[in-house]
Amino acid sequence: VTLRRTWAMMSRWHRLKLVALLLLQALWLPSKAELDQLVEELKSSDLLALAVAEMGHAFPSLLHTLIHERDMYMACMLRHVARRSARVVAVVGKGHLEGIQANWPRTDIDVAALLRMPPPPKPWFSPVAWRCVVAGVAVGGVGVAALAVTLWRRR
C-alpha cells in the first residue's frame, strides 16, 4: 500500500525525476567496499537525518508517504498492540524512531486515510485541448500546403 500510495501521490515531474535518478545510479553502482563504507556512514544519526532532509527537499511527497505517514501508522498500531499486551517489543528502522516517538501521544491519526489510495491524476490535456491541438495542426498543414501550391504554380 505504501509504495502504491507514494507513486500515486507523486507529481508526474517527480516520477520522471525519480526514474531518471534511479536509472543513472544503476549505471554507476558502487563497489562492495564503497557500499560498506556508505552503510557505516549512514549509521550516524546526523548523516541519516541529512539524507532524509535532502530526499524531502527533492521529493516532498516521497518523504511524506514513506516516512511521515509510516511513522503515524506504526505509532498507531504499536499503541493499539500496547493496550492489549503488558509487554511489546518492536523492531523499527532508525529513521522511523523519532517520528514514532513524536506521533505516540497523538490520538487523532486516521488509519483508514493512511491506507486509502488517492484519486488518479487528471490527464495532462483535456479532450478539448487535444481537439484544439489537432485542429491547429490540420489548419496549419492546410495553410502550408496552400502556400506551397501557390508558390509552385508561380514558377
C-alpha atoms as a PDB file:
ATOM      1  CA  VAL A   1       0.000   0.000   0.000  1.00  0.00           C
ATOM      2  CA  THR A   2       2.780   2.427   0.929  1.00  0.00           C
ATOM      3  CA  LEU A   3       4.607   2.215  -2.381  1.00  0.00           C
ATOM      4  CA  ARG A   4       1.400   2.442  -4.412  1.00  0.00           C
ATOM      5  CA  ARG A   5       0.320   5.497  -2.368  1.00  0.00           C
ATOM      6  CA  THR A   6       3.770   7.021  -2.762  1.00  0.00           C
ATOM      7  CA  TRP A   7       3.730   6.603  -6.540  1.00  0.00           C
ATOM      8  CA  ALA A   8       0.138   7.846  -6.830  1.00  0.00           C
ATOM      9  CA  MET A   9       0.856  10.953  -4.751  1.00  0.00           C
ATOM     10  CA  MET A  10       3.968  11.947  -6.712  1.00  0.00           C
ATOM     11  CA  SER A  11       3.620  14.533  -9.455  1.00  0.00           C
ATOM     12  CA  ARG A  12       4.499  13.481 -12.981  1.00  0.00           C
ATOM     13  CA  TRP A  13       7.653  15.604 -12.794  1.00  0.00           C
ATOM     14  CA  HIS A  14       8.790  13.894  -9.575  1.00  0.00           C
ATOM     15  CA  ARG A  15       8.069  10.460 -11.064  1.00  0.00           C
ATOM     16  CA  LEU A  16      10.153  11.252 -14.125  1.00  0.00           C
ATOM     17  CA  LYS A  17      12.936  12.716 -11.981  1.00  0.00           C
ATOM     18  CA  LEU A  18      12.960   9.683  -9.650  1.00  0.00           C
ATOM     19  CA  VAL A  19      13.055   7.148 -12.503  1.00  0.00           C
ATOM     20  CA  ALA A  20      15.867   9.082 -14.214  1.00  0.00           C
ATOM     21  CA  LEU A  21      17.812   9.266 -10.945  1.00  0.00           C
ATOM     22  CA  LEU A  22      17.411   5.537 -10.311  1.00  0.00           C
ATOM     23  CA  LEU A  23      18.467   4.674 -13.865  1.00  0.00           C
ATOM     24  CA  LEU A  24      21.527   6.904 -13.652  1.00  0.00           C
ATOM     25  CA  GLN A  25      22.532   5.446 -10.305  1.00  0.00           C
ATOM     26  CA  ALA A  26      22.069   1.920 -11.680  1.00  0.00           C
ATOM     27  CA  LEU A  27      24.696   2.705 -14.327  1.00  0.00           C
ATOM     28  CA  TRP A  28      27.277   3.687 -11.697  1.00  0.00           C
ATOM     29  CA  LEU A  29      26.831   1.119  -8.943  1.00  0.00           C
ATOM     30  CA  PRO A  30      29.338   1.471  -6.092  1.00  0.00           C
ATOM     31  CA  SER A  31      31.816  -1.284  -5.318  1.00  0.00           C
ATOM     32  CA  LYS A  32      31.266  -3.508  -2.281  1.00  0.00           C
ATOM     33  CA  ALA A  33      33.857  -1.548  -0.275  1.00  0.00           C
ATOM     34  CA  GLU A  34      32.195   1.783  -1.145  1.00  0.00           C
ATOM     35  CA  LEU A  35      28.779   0.367  -0.281  1.00  0.00           C
ATOM     36  CA  ASP A  36      30.024  -0.928   3.089  1.00  0.00           C
ATOM     37  CA  GLN A  37      31.549   2.477   3.840  1.00  0.00           C
ATOM     38  CA  LEU A  38      28.275   4.215   2.923  1.00  0.00           C
ATOM     39  CA  VAL A  39      26.272   1.914   5.210  1.00  0.00           C
ATOM     40  CA  GLU A  40      28.648   2.643   8.106  1.00  0.00           C
ATOM     41  CA  GLU A  41      28.348   6.388   7.472  1.00  0.00           C
ATOM     42  CA  LEU A  42      24.544   6.178   7.394  1.00  0.00           C
ATOM     43  CA  LYS A  43      24.556   4.588  10.852  1.00  0.00           C
ATOM     44  CA  SER A  44      25.384   8.045  12.159  1.00  0.00           C
ATOM     45  CA  SER A  45      22.083   9.710  13.019  1.00  0.00           C
ATOM     46  CA  ASP A  46      23.295  13.112  11.777  1.00  0.00           C
ATOM     47  CA  LEU A  47      24.094  11.773   8.317  1.00  0.00           C
ATOM     48  CA  LEU A  48      20.841   9.806   8.203  1.00  0.00           C
ATOM     49  CA  ALA A  49      18.862  12.940   9.119  1.00  0.00           C
ATOM     50  CA  LEU A  50      20.740  14.881   6.448  1.00  0.00           C
ATOM     51  CA  ALA A  51      19.996  12.204   3.820  1.00  0.00           C
ATOM     52  CA  VAL A  52      16.287  12.199   4.749  1.00  0.00           C
ATOM     53  CA  ALA A  53      16.156  16.010   4.630  1.00  0.00           C
ATOM     54  CA  GLU A  54      17.817  16.008   1.210  1.00  0.00           C
ATOM     55  CA  MET A  55      15.344  13.411  -0.063  1.00  0.00           C
ATOM     56  CA  GLY A  56      12.481  15.510   1.316  1.00  0.00           C
ATOM     57  CA  HIS A  57      13.749  18.570  -0.489  1.00  0.00           C
ATOM     58  CA  ALA A  58      13.987  16.762  -3.837  1.00  0.00           C
ATOM     59  CA  PHE A  59      10.846  14.629  -3.421  1.00  0.00           C
ATOM     60  CA  PRO A  60       8.453  16.076  -0.794  1.00  0.00           C
ATOM     61  CA  SER A  61       5.611  13.617  -1.473  1.00  0.00           C
ATOM     62  CA  LEU A  62       8.056  10.709  -1.236  1.00  0.00           C
ATOM     63  CA  LEU A  63       9.195  11.859   2.210  1.00  0.00           C
ATOM     64  CA  HIS A  64       5.615  12.393   3.344  1.00  0.00           C
ATOM     65  CA  THR A  65       4.348   8.917   2.423  1.00  0.00           C
ATOM     66  CA  LEU A  66       7.478   6.860   3.068  1.00  0.00           C
ATOM     67  CA  ILE A  67       8.469   8.470   6.356  1.00  0.00           C
ATOM     68  CA  HIS A  68       5.792  10.640   7.975  1.00  0.00           C
ATOM     69  CA  GLU A  69       2.733   8.552   7.115  1.00  0.00           C
ATOM     70  CA  ARG A  70       4.517   5.322   8.046  1.00  0.00           C
ATOM     71  CA  ASP A  71       5.603   6.866  11.345  1.00  0.00           C
ATOM     72  CA  MET A  72       1.979   7.729  12.113  1.00  0.00           C
ATOM     73  CA  TYR A  73       0.755   4.273  11.088  1.00  0.00           C
ATOM     74  CA  MET A  74       3.398   2.448  13.135  1.00  0.00           C
ATOM     75  CA  ALA A  75       2.793   4.632  16.203  1.00  0.00           C
ATOM     76  CA  CYS A  76      -0.950   3.997  15.997  1.00  0.00           C
ATOM     77  CA  MET A  77      -0.552   0.236  15.503  1.00  0.00           C
ATOM     78  CA  LEU A  78       2.038  -0.082  18.275  1.00  0.00           C
ATOM     79  CA  ARG A  79      -0.187   1.891  20.654  1.00  0.00           C
ATOM     80  CA  HIS A  80      -3.094  -0.414  19.722  1.00  0.00           C
ATOM     81  CA  VAL A  81      -0.998  -3.522  20.491  1.00  0.00           C
ATOM     82  CA  ALA A  82       0.342  -1.942  23.706  1.00  0.00           C
ATOM     83  CA  ARG A  83      -3.215  -1.526  25.003  1.00  0.00           C
ATOM     84  CA  ARG A  84      -3.786  -5.276  24.676  1.00  0.00           C
ATOM     85  CA  SER A  85      -0.456  -6.565  25.965  1.00  0.00           C
ATOM     86  CA  ALA A  86       1.629  -5.908  29.035  1.00  0.00           C
ATOM     87  CA  ARG A  87       4.882  -6.016  27.041  1.00  0.00           C
ATOM     88  CA  VAL A  88       5.524  -5.116  23.443  1.00  0.00           C
ATOM     89  CA  VAL A  89       8.805  -5.376  21.579  1.00  0.00           C
ATOM     90  CA  ALA A  90       9.002  -3.606  18.225  1.00  0.00           C
ATOM     91  CA  VAL A  91      11.956  -3.510  15.869  1.00  0.00           C
ATOM     92  CA  VAL A  92      11.803  -0.399  13.713  1.00  0.00           C
ATOM     93  CA  GLY A  93      14.238   1.325  11.425  1.00  0.00           C
ATOM     94  CA  LYS A  94      16.397   4.066  12.898  1.00  0.00           C
ATOM     95  CA  GLY A  95      14.879   6.601  10.544  1.00  0.00           C
ATOM     96  CA  HIS A  96      11.413   5.975  12.000  1.00  0.00           C
ATOM     97  CA  LEU A  97      12.241   6.048  15.711  1.00  0.00           C
ATOM     98  CA  GLU A  98      11.974   9.818  16.161  1.00  0.00           C
ATOM     99  CA  GLY A  99       8.740  10.010  14.157  1.00  0.00           C
ATOM    100  CA  ILE A 100       7.114   7.175  16.099  1.00  0.00           C
ATOM    101  CA  GLN A 101       8.023   8.877  19.378  1.00  0.00           C
ATOM    102  CA  ALA A 102       6.609  12.182  18.129  1.00  0.00           C
ATOM    103  CA  ASN A 103       3.350  10.529  16.996  1.00  0.00           C
ATOM    104  CA  TRP A 104       2.941   8.299  20.071  1.00  0.00           C
ATOM    105  CA  PRO A 105       0.715  10.678  22.064  1.00  0.00           C
ATOM    106  CA  ARG A 106      -1.490  11.550  19.081  1.00  0.00           C
ATOM    107  CA  THR A 107      -5.000  10.122  19.168  1.00  0.00           C
ATOM    108  CA  ASP A 108      -6.262  11.819  16.000  1.00  0.00           C
ATOM    109  CA  ILE A 109      -4.474   9.561  13.482  1.00  0.00           C
ATOM    110  CA  ASP A 110      -6.895   8.306  10.819  1.00  0.00           C
ATOM    111  CA  VAL A 111      -5.503   4.898   9.837  1.00  0.00           C
ATOM    112  CA  ALA A 112      -8.142   4.413   7.141  1.00  0.00           C
ATOM    113  CA  ALA A 113      -6.962   7.618   5.446  1.00  0.00           C
ATOM    114  CA  LEU A 114      -3.371   6.355   5.535  1.00  0.00           C
ATOM    115  CA  LEU A 115      -4.457   3.193   3.714  1.00  0.00           C
ATOM    116  CA  ARG A 116      -6.729   4.898   1.169  1.00  0.00           C
ATOM    117  CA  MET A 117      -5.423   5.341  -2.359  1.00  0.00           C
ATOM    118  CA  PRO A 118      -5.577   8.906  -3.704  1.00  0.00           C
ATOM    119  CA  PRO A 119      -7.707   9.555  -6.796  1.00  0.00           C
ATOM    120  CA  PRO A 120      -5.966   9.065 -10.142  1.00  0.00           C
ATOM    121  CA  PRO A 121      -4.332  12.194 -11.562  1.00  0.00           C
ATOM    122  CA  LYS A 122      -6.074  14.253 -14.202  1.00  0.00           C
ATOM    123  CA  PRO A 123      -4.832  13.776 -17.770  1.00  0.00           C
ATOM    124  CA  TRP A 124      -2.196  16.200 -19.000  1.00  0.00           C
ATOM    125  CA  PHE A 125      -4.511  17.564 -21.671  1.00  0.00           C
ATOM    126  CA  SER A 126      -8.256  17.562 -21.629  1.00  0.00           C
ATOM    127  CA  PRO A 127     -10.078  16.164 -24.680  1.00  0.00           C
ATOM    128  CA  VAL A 128     -10.916  19.741 -25.694  1.00  0.00           C
ATOM    129  CA  ALA A 129      -7.230  20.703 -25.600  1.00  0.00           C
ATOM    130  CA  TRP A 130      -6.330  17.684 -27.743  1.00  0.00           C
ATOM    131  CA  ARG A 131      -9.002  18.663 -30.284  1.00  0.00           C
ATOM    132  CA  CYS A 132      -7.593  22.197 -30.415  1.00  0.00           C
ATOM    133  CA  VAL A 133      -4.075  20.884 -30.990  1.00  0.00           C
ATOM    134  CA  VAL A 134      -5.231  18.528 -33.758  1.00  0.00           C
ATOM    135  CA  ALA A 135      -7.310  21.288 -35.362  1.00  0.00           C
ATOM    136  CA  GLY A 136      -4.367  23.689 -35.185  1.00  0.00           C
ATOM    137  CA  VAL A 137      -2.045  21.162 -36.812  1.00  0.00           C
ATOM    138  CA  ALA A 138      -4.638  20.438 -39.522  1.00  0.00           C
ATOM    139  CA  VAL A 139      -5.275  24.119 -40.266  1.00  0.00           C
ATOM    140  CA  GLY A 140      -1.554  24.848 -40.243  1.00  0.00           C
ATOM    141  CA  GLY A 141      -0.920  21.894 -42.555  1.00  0.00           C
ATOM    142  CA  VAL A 142      -3.600  23.048 -44.980  1.00  0.00           C
ATOM    143  CA  GLY A 143      -2.171  26.576 -44.895  1.00  0.00           C
ATOM    144  CA  VAL A 144       1.366  25.359 -45.593  1.00  0.00           C
ATOM    145  CA  ALA A 145       0.093  23.111 -48.401  1.00  0.00           C
ATOM    146  CA  ALA A 146      -1.849  26.005 -49.972  1.00  0.00           C
ATOM    147  CA  LEU A 147       1.214  28.237 -49.773  1.00  0.00           C
ATOM    148  CA  ALA A 148       3.384  25.524 -51.354  1.00  0.00           C
ATOM    149  CA  VAL A 149       0.890  25.022 -54.203  1.00  0.00           C
ATOM    150  CA  THR A 150       0.701  28.787 -54.814  1.00  0.00           C
ATOM    151  CA  LEU A 151       4.493  29.114 -54.913  1.00  0.00           C
ATOM    152  CA  TRP A 152       4.806  26.069 -57.158  1.00  0.00           C
ATOM    153  CA  ARG A 153       2.254  27.482 -59.683  1.00  0.00           C
ATOM    154  CA  ARG A 154       4.121  30.811 -59.884  1.00  0.00           C
ATOM    155  CA  ARG A 155       7.184  29.067 -61.273  1.00  0.00           C
END
